[in-house]
């Protein structure tokens, strides 16, 4: 496959999972309630922190920095790789700012209007407030100065290393009268191009977006059980697939014609963006690998929910067609059929 096609496919996959994660949170807010959405968001970001933060410091080459600067640098670099608008402003070895500019990545488009304050705070409580513990430094906390979910012009705050160990309730504090210094790109950390060539960055951008719904599916299954979580997140997946189909076709530079074969060709490009292996013939496709499922600890919910993204896309492609999806040992068998009338 030409490299330009691969890059487009990876961007398409990143957009699919970006939208899916936003949809998961919105569906939980509106159909399960703010309390459940807050708990889900906290657990997702807490698990992400536990799995990604400390290893990521070494991967990014910033594990030698003072704790406050290292934590802020991590969020700057990792989110920058993921396509998030983010800034880093160091003040000292003990104080470093991070600013997530609008539009917010996590709450894309008008989704921001439906995000309660406590859901936005849950992200900070699950990740930013616990970085000090992850570093073995109980004196490191996070101070939030702005939240876009409250109508502020960013999600903003700073890491600060106090003189004494913090109580659990003190790890996240709010100071809404403070304002971050201006961003100076010369002071921001940079990725070494030899360690992070363009190909690696393209894969990391895709994986950044993918990991959030992967984690959300596992967390939801643990919190609510397979049946309830599959019903809620499966509906989210279908709705997201329907809504982003045109955008995905534009990224892939394909013109849909409504046929089964054309849809399989689109699905092939999406699987290429995952770096998955498959064989196809006409209106059928068989996966040999399943990268998304490999990142979900609960395989049952992944097998129930993930195909519904592509069910939704097919509904937008041609509502007279349907997907027959059967699990295989390493992925799925896909077949596009005409609905009986």
Protein backbone atom coordinates (compact mmCIF):
# COMPACT_ATOMS: atom_id res chain seq x y z
CA UNK A 1 0.00 0.00 0.00
CA UNK A 2 1.34 3.50 -0.77
CA UNK A 3 2.61 5.34 2.26
CA UNK A 4 0.27 8.30 1.71
CA UNK A 5 -2.69 5.92 1.87
CA UNK A 6 -1.36 4.39 5.07
CA UNK A 7 -1.00 7.82 6.68
CA UNK A 8 -4.53 8.76 5.64
CA UNK A 9 -5.87 5.49 6.98
CA UNK A 10 -4.16 6.02 10.31
CA UNK A 11 -5.59 9.52 10.56
CA UNK A 12 -9.03 8.12 9.80
CA UNK A 13 -8.67 5.52 12.54
CA UNK A 14 -7.57 8.21 15.00
CA UNK A 15 -10.67 10.27 14.16
CA UNK A 16 -12.95 7.27 14.60
CA UNK A 17 -11.69 6.59 18.12
CA UNK A 18 -11.50 10.26 19.03
CA UNK A 19 -15.21 10.58 18.20
CA UNK A 20 -16.04 7.25 19.84
CA UNK A 21 -14.52 8.23 23.18
CA UNK A 22 -16.39 11.53 23.19
CA UNK A 23 -19.57 9.64 22.32
CA UNK A 24 -19.06 7.18 25.15
CA UNK A 25 -18.83 9.96 27.73
CA UNK A 26 -21.81 11.86 26.29
CA UNK A 27 -23.98 8.73 26.17
CA UNK A 28 -23.11 7.96 29.76
CA UNK A 29 -23.97 11.50 30.87
CA UNK A 30 -27.33 11.52 29.08
CA UNK A 31 -28.43 7.89 29.46
CA UNK A 32 -26.79 6.74 32.69
CA UNK A 33 -26.41 9.99 34.63
CA UNK A 34 -23.72 12.41 35.73
CA UNK A 35 -22.56 10.26 38.64
CA UNK A 36 -21.85 7.26 36.43
CA UNK A 37 -20.19 9.45 33.82
CA UNK A 38 -17.96 10.98 36.49
CA UNK A 39 -16.98 7.56 37.84
CA UNK A 40 -16.31 6.22 34.35
CA UNK A 41 -14.14 9.21 33.43
CA UNK A 42 -12.17 8.98 36.68
CA UNK A 43 -11.50 5.26 36.24
CA UNK A 44 -10.52 5.63 32.57
CA UNK A 45 -7.96 8.36 33.24
CA UNK A 46 -6.70 6.71 36.41
CA UNK A 47 -6.04 3.49 34.50
CA UNK A 48 -4.43 5.39 31.64
CA UNK A 49 -2.13 7.12 34.13
CA UNK A 50 -1.22 3.84 35.81
CA UNK A 51 -0.36 2.20 32.49
CA UNK A 52 1.15 5.08 30.50
CA UNK A 53 2.65 7.78 32.72
CA UNK A 54 5.84 6.37 34.26
CA UNK A 55 6.84 4.26 31.21
CA UNK A 56 6.03 7.26 29.02
CA UNK A 57 8.49 9.49 30.87
CA UNK A 58 11.31 7.20 29.80
CA UNK A 59 10.01 6.82 26.22
CA UNK A 60 9.88 10.59 25.87
CA UNK A 61 13.31 11.07 27.44
CA UNK A 62 12.10 13.29 30.28
CA UNK A 63 12.37 10.97 33.30
CA UNK A 64 15.43 12.89 34.57
CA UNK A 65 13.51 16.15 35.07
CA UNK A 66 12.25 17.50 38.44
CA UNK A 67 8.83 15.99 39.27
CA UNK A 68 6.66 19.06 38.52
CA UNK A 69 8.47 19.77 35.26
CA UNK A 70 8.49 16.10 34.24
CA UNK A 71 4.74 15.76 34.83
CA UNK A 72 3.88 18.89 32.84
CA UNK A 73 6.35 17.94 30.10
CA UNK A 74 4.75 14.52 29.81
CA UNK A 75 1.30 16.01 29.27
CA UNK A 76 2.67 18.47 26.74
CA UNK A 77 4.51 15.91 24.64
CA UNK A 78 2.05 13.02 24.84
CA UNK A 79 -0.94 15.21 24.05
CA UNK A 80 0.96 17.01 21.30
CA UNK A 81 1.62 13.62 19.68
CA UNK A 82 -2.10 12.85 19.98
CA UNK A 83 -3.10 16.05 18.18
CA UNK A 84 -4.29 17.93 21.26
CA UNK A 85 -3.84 21.72 21.45
CA UNK A 86 -1.60 21.97 24.49
CA UNK A 87 1.00 24.35 25.95
CA UNK A 88 3.74 24.05 28.56
CA UNK A 89 4.99 26.95 30.68
CA UNK A 90 7.68 26.21 33.30
CA UNK A 91 8.19 28.68 36.16
CA UNK A 92 10.72 26.78 38.28
CA UNK A 93 11.84 23.28 39.18
CA UNK A 94 8.85 23.11 41.54
CA UNK A 95 6.15 24.73 39.41
CA UNK A 96 5.16 24.06 35.79
CA UNK A 97 1.98 25.00 33.95
CA UNK A 98 -0.01 23.02 31.40
CA UNK A 99 -2.79 24.51 29.27
CA UNK A 100 -5.21 22.58 27.07
CA UNK A 101 -6.45 25.21 24.64
CA UNK A 102 -9.90 25.28 23.10
CA UNK A 103 -11.31 23.60 21.17
CA UNK A 104 -10.84 20.76 23.65
CA UNK A 105 -9.83 17.47 22.07
CA UNK A 106 -11.70 15.20 24.45
CA UNK A 107 -15.02 17.03 24.10
CA UNK A 108 -14.91 17.65 20.35
CA UNK A 109 -17.20 20.14 18.66
CA UNK A 110 -20.35 21.08 20.51
CA UNK A 111 -19.95 18.09 22.86
CA UNK A 112 -18.35 20.51 25.32
CA UNK A 113 -21.83 21.92 26.01
CA UNK A 114 -22.91 18.60 27.57
CA UNK A 115 -19.88 17.95 29.80
CA UNK A 116 -20.62 18.60 33.48
CA UNK A 117 -17.92 20.23 35.60
CA UNK A 118 -17.51 17.09 37.71
CA UNK A 119 -16.77 15.00 34.61
CA UNK A 120 -13.98 17.38 33.60
CA UNK A 121 -12.68 17.33 37.18
CA UNK A 122 -12.74 13.53 37.18
CA UNK A 123 -10.09 13.52 34.45
CA UNK A 124 -7.84 15.66 36.64
CA UNK A 125 -8.52 13.57 39.74
CA UNK A 126 -7.77 10.33 37.92
CA UNK A 127 -4.57 11.48 36.24
CA UNK A 128 -3.06 14.88 37.09
CA UNK A 129 -3.72 14.69 40.82
CA UNK A 130 -2.11 11.25 41.08
CA UNK A 131 1.11 11.84 39.16
CA UNK A 132 2.95 12.65 42.38
CA UNK A 133 2.05 9.25 43.82
CA UNK A 134 3.18 7.57 40.60
CA UNK A 135 6.54 9.33 40.94
CA UNK A 136 6.85 8.41 44.61
CA UNK A 137 6.56 12.08 45.54
CA UNK A 138 3.56 12.73 47.86
CA UNK A 139 4.36 16.47 47.86
CA UNK A 140 3.47 16.94 44.18
CA UNK A 141 -0.05 18.15 43.44
CA UNK A 142 -2.02 19.86 40.68
CA UNK A 143 -3.75 23.24 40.90
CA UNK A 144 -6.58 23.83 38.39
CA UNK A 145 -7.10 27.46 37.40
CA UNK A 146 -9.54 27.11 34.48
CA UNK A 147 -11.99 24.61 33.01
CA UNK A 148 -13.48 24.92 29.54
CA UNK A 149 -16.41 22.84 30.83
CA UNK A 150 -17.25 25.84 33.04
CA UNK A 151 -16.97 28.33 30.18
CA UNK A 152 -13.31 29.26 30.67
CA UNK A 153 -11.05 29.63 27.64
CA UNK A 154 -9.03 26.48 28.40
CA UNK A 155 -8.42 23.68 30.83
CA UNK A 156 -5.43 25.10 32.65
CA UNK A 157 -3.39 24.59 35.78
CA UNK A 158 0.02 23.83 37.18
CA UNK A 159 1.98 21.16 38.93
CA UNK A 160 3.43 22.32 42.23
CA UNK A 161 5.77 20.59 44.64
CA UNK A 162 4.82 21.55 48.20
CA UNK A 163 7.02 21.42 51.29
CA UNK A 164 4.92 18.72 52.97
CA UNK A 165 3.14 15.57 51.87
CA UNK A 166 -0.39 16.14 50.63
CA UNK A 167 -3.52 14.50 51.95
CA UNK A 168 -5.60 12.72 49.27
CA UNK A 169 -8.11 15.58 49.18
CA UNK A 170 -5.28 18.09 48.64
CA UNK A 171 -3.76 16.55 45.53
CA UNK A 172 -6.15 18.51 43.33
CA UNK A 173 -6.81 22.10 44.28
CA UNK A 174 -8.60 24.97 42.54
CA UNK A 175 -7.43 28.57 42.26
CA UNK A 176 -9.67 30.33 39.77
CA UNK A 177 -8.04 33.76 40.07
CA UNK A 178 -4.61 32.72 38.75
CA UNK A 179 -3.60 33.00 35.11
CA UNK A 180 -0.89 31.07 33.30
CA UNK A 181 2.13 32.86 31.84
CA UNK A 182 2.41 33.15 28.08
CA UNK A 183 3.63 30.17 26.12
CA UNK A 184 7.22 30.31 24.84
CA UNK A 185 7.88 27.48 22.36
CA UNK A 186 11.61 27.78 23.02
CA UNK A 187 11.03 26.58 26.60
CA UNK A 188 8.87 23.62 25.61
CA UNK A 189 10.36 20.11 25.45
CA UNK A 190 10.92 18.64 21.99
CA UNK A 191 10.96 15.11 20.67
CA UNK A 192 14.27 13.97 19.19
CA UNK A 193 13.64 13.36 15.49
CA UNK A 194 15.98 10.37 15.45
CA UNK A 195 13.89 8.56 18.10
CA UNK A 196 10.53 9.87 16.86
CA UNK A 197 10.56 9.81 13.03
CA UNK A 198 7.42 10.63 11.07
CA UNK A 199 6.30 7.01 10.78
CA UNK A 200 6.45 6.47 14.54
CA UNK A 201 4.57 9.71 15.15
CA UNK A 202 1.78 8.65 12.77
CA UNK A 203 1.34 5.35 14.62
CA UNK A 204 1.51 7.06 18.01
CA UNK A 205 -1.16 9.58 16.95
CA UNK A 206 -3.48 6.72 16.01
CA UNK A 207 -2.72 4.74 19.18
CA UNK A 208 -3.27 7.80 21.38
CA UNK A 209 -6.88 8.07 20.22
CA UNK A 210 -7.48 4.32 20.19
CA UNK A 211 -6.40 3.70 23.75
CA UNK A 212 -9.19 5.82 25.28
CA UNK A 213 -12.16 3.76 24.04
CA UNK A 214 -10.15 0.58 24.62
CA UNK A 215 -9.81 1.55 28.26
CA UNK A 216 -13.39 2.84 28.49
CA UNK A 217 -14.82 -0.49 27.33
CA UNK A 218 -12.83 -2.42 29.92
CA UNK A 219 -13.72 0.00 32.72
CA UNK A 220 -17.43 0.07 31.81
CA UNK A 221 -17.62 -3.73 31.84
CA UNK A 222 -16.06 -3.77 35.32
CA UNK A 223 -18.36 -1.05 36.65
CA UNK A 224 -21.72 -2.06 35.16
CA UNK A 225 -21.40 -5.60 33.84
CA UNK A 226 -21.35 -6.88 30.28
CA UNK A 227 -25.04 -6.55 29.44
CA UNK A 228 -25.62 -2.96 30.57
CA UNK A 229 -22.29 -1.65 29.33
CA UNK A 230 -22.59 -3.39 25.95
CA UNK A 231 -26.05 -1.94 25.40
CA UNK A 232 -24.98 1.61 26.24
CA UNK A 233 -21.61 1.62 24.48
CA UNK A 234 -22.90 -0.38 21.52
CA UNK A 235 -25.52 2.26 20.84
CA UNK A 236 -22.83 4.94 21.16
CA UNK A 237 -20.66 3.08 18.66
CA UNK A 238 -23.43 2.86 16.06
CA UNK A 239 -24.38 6.52 16.43
CA UNK A 240 -20.76 7.63 16.17
CA UNK A 241 -20.26 5.50 13.06
CA UNK A 242 -23.28 7.08 11.39
CA UNK A 243 -22.24 10.61 12.26
CA UNK A 244 -18.56 10.47 11.23
CA UNK A 245 -18.90 8.41 8.05
CA UNK A 246 -18.68 11.37 5.68
CA UNK A 247 -15.65 12.77 7.54
CA UNK A 248 -13.88 9.41 7.36
CA UNK A 249 -14.52 9.09 3.64
CA UNK A 250 -13.08 12.59 3.16
CA UNK A 251 -9.93 11.70 5.09
CA UNK A 252 -9.56 8.49 3.07
CA UNK A 253 -10.21 10.43 -0.15
CA UNK A 254 -12.81 7.95 -1.33
CA UNK A 255 -16.15 8.59 -3.01
CA UNK A 256 -18.80 6.20 -1.67
CA UNK A 257 -21.16 4.77 -4.28
CA UNK A 258 -23.50 2.82 -1.99
CA UNK A 259 -22.42 -0.65 -3.14
CA UNK A 260 -21.38 -3.53 -0.92
CA UNK A 261 -18.01 -3.83 -2.67
CA UNK A 262 -17.32 -0.14 -2.20
CA UNK A 263 -18.05 -0.40 1.52
CA UNK A 264 -15.67 -3.36 1.87
CA UNK A 265 -13.01 -1.26 0.13
CA UNK A 266 -13.54 1.47 2.73
CA UNK A 267 -13.40 -1.07 5.56
CA UNK A 268 -10.11 -2.37 4.13
CA UNK A 269 -8.58 1.10 4.34
CA UNK A 270 -9.74 1.42 7.95
CA UNK A 271 -8.16 -1.93 8.82
CA UNK A 272 -5.00 -0.80 7.03
CA UNK A 273 -5.00 2.17 9.40
CA UNK A 274 -5.00 -0.28 12.31
CA UNK A 275 -2.12 -2.24 10.69
CA UNK A 276 -4.43 -5.26 10.75
CA UNK A 277 -4.12 -8.16 8.32
CA UNK A 278 -7.06 -9.46 6.28
CA UNK A 279 -8.21 -11.11 3.08
CA UNK A 280 -11.20 -9.94 1.04
CA UNK A 281 -13.34 -11.03 -1.86
CA UNK A 282 -16.15 -8.91 -3.29
CA UNK A 283 -18.58 -8.14 -0.49
CA UNK A 284 -16.75 -10.20 2.16
CA UNK A 285 -13.68 -9.71 4.33
CA UNK A 286 -11.87 -11.88 6.87
CA UNK A 287 -9.58 -10.41 9.52
CA UNK A 288 -6.47 -12.27 10.62
CA UNK A 289 -5.51 -9.75 13.33
CA UNK A 290 -7.46 -7.39 15.61
CA UNK A 291 -5.35 -4.56 17.02
CA UNK A 292 -8.23 -2.82 18.79
CA UNK A 293 -9.31 -5.96 20.64
CA UNK A 294 -5.76 -6.68 21.77
CA UNK A 295 -5.91 -3.51 23.88
CA UNK A 296 -9.17 -4.35 25.68
CA UNK A 297 -8.89 -6.48 28.80
CA UNK A 298 -12.51 -7.66 28.54
CA UNK A 299 -12.82 -9.36 25.18
CA UNK A 300 -16.55 -10.01 25.44
CA UNK A 301 -17.53 -6.35 25.52
CA UNK A 302 -15.02 -5.56 22.76
CA UNK A 303 -16.54 -8.23 20.48
CA UNK A 304 -20.05 -6.95 21.15
CA UNK A 305 -19.39 -3.22 20.82
CA UNK A 306 -16.58 -2.68 18.29
CA UNK A 307 -18.38 -3.97 15.15
CA UNK A 308 -21.23 -1.53 15.78
CA UNK A 309 -18.98 1.36 14.74
CA UNK A 310 -18.95 -0.15 11.25
CA UNK A 311 -22.62 -1.03 11.39
CA UNK A 312 -23.22 2.69 11.87
CA UNK A 313 -20.93 3.61 8.99
CA UNK A 314 -22.74 1.17 6.71
CA UNK A 315 -26.07 2.73 7.67
CA UNK A 316 -24.75 6.05 6.36
CA UNK A 317 -23.20 4.36 3.29
CA UNK A 318 -26.45 2.67 2.26
CA UNK A 319 -29.32 2.02 4.67
CA UNK A 320 -30.56 -0.82 2.45
CA UNK A 321 -27.46 -2.87 3.31
CA UNK A 322 -26.59 -4.76 6.49
CA UNK A 323 -23.48 -6.28 8.03
CA UNK A 324 -23.18 -9.94 8.89
CA UNK A 325 -20.37 -10.12 11.46
CA UNK A 326 -19.16 -13.37 12.94
CA UNK A 327 -16.22 -13.65 15.35
CA UNK A 328 -13.21 -15.70 14.32
CA UNK A 329 -10.26 -16.90 16.37
CA UNK A 330 -8.25 -13.76 15.64
CA UNK A 331 -10.78 -11.16 14.50
CA UNK A 332 -14.03 -11.12 12.56
CA UNK A 333 -15.59 -12.30 9.33
CA UNK A 334 -17.50 -9.48 7.62
CA UNK A 335 -20.11 -9.79 4.88
CA UNK A 336 -22.29 -7.03 3.44
CA UNK A 337 -25.75 -8.18 2.43
CA UNK A 338 -28.92 -6.58 1.12
CA UNK A 339 -31.64 -6.22 3.74
CA UNK A 340 -34.85 -8.14 3.02
CA UNK A 341 -37.77 -5.86 2.14
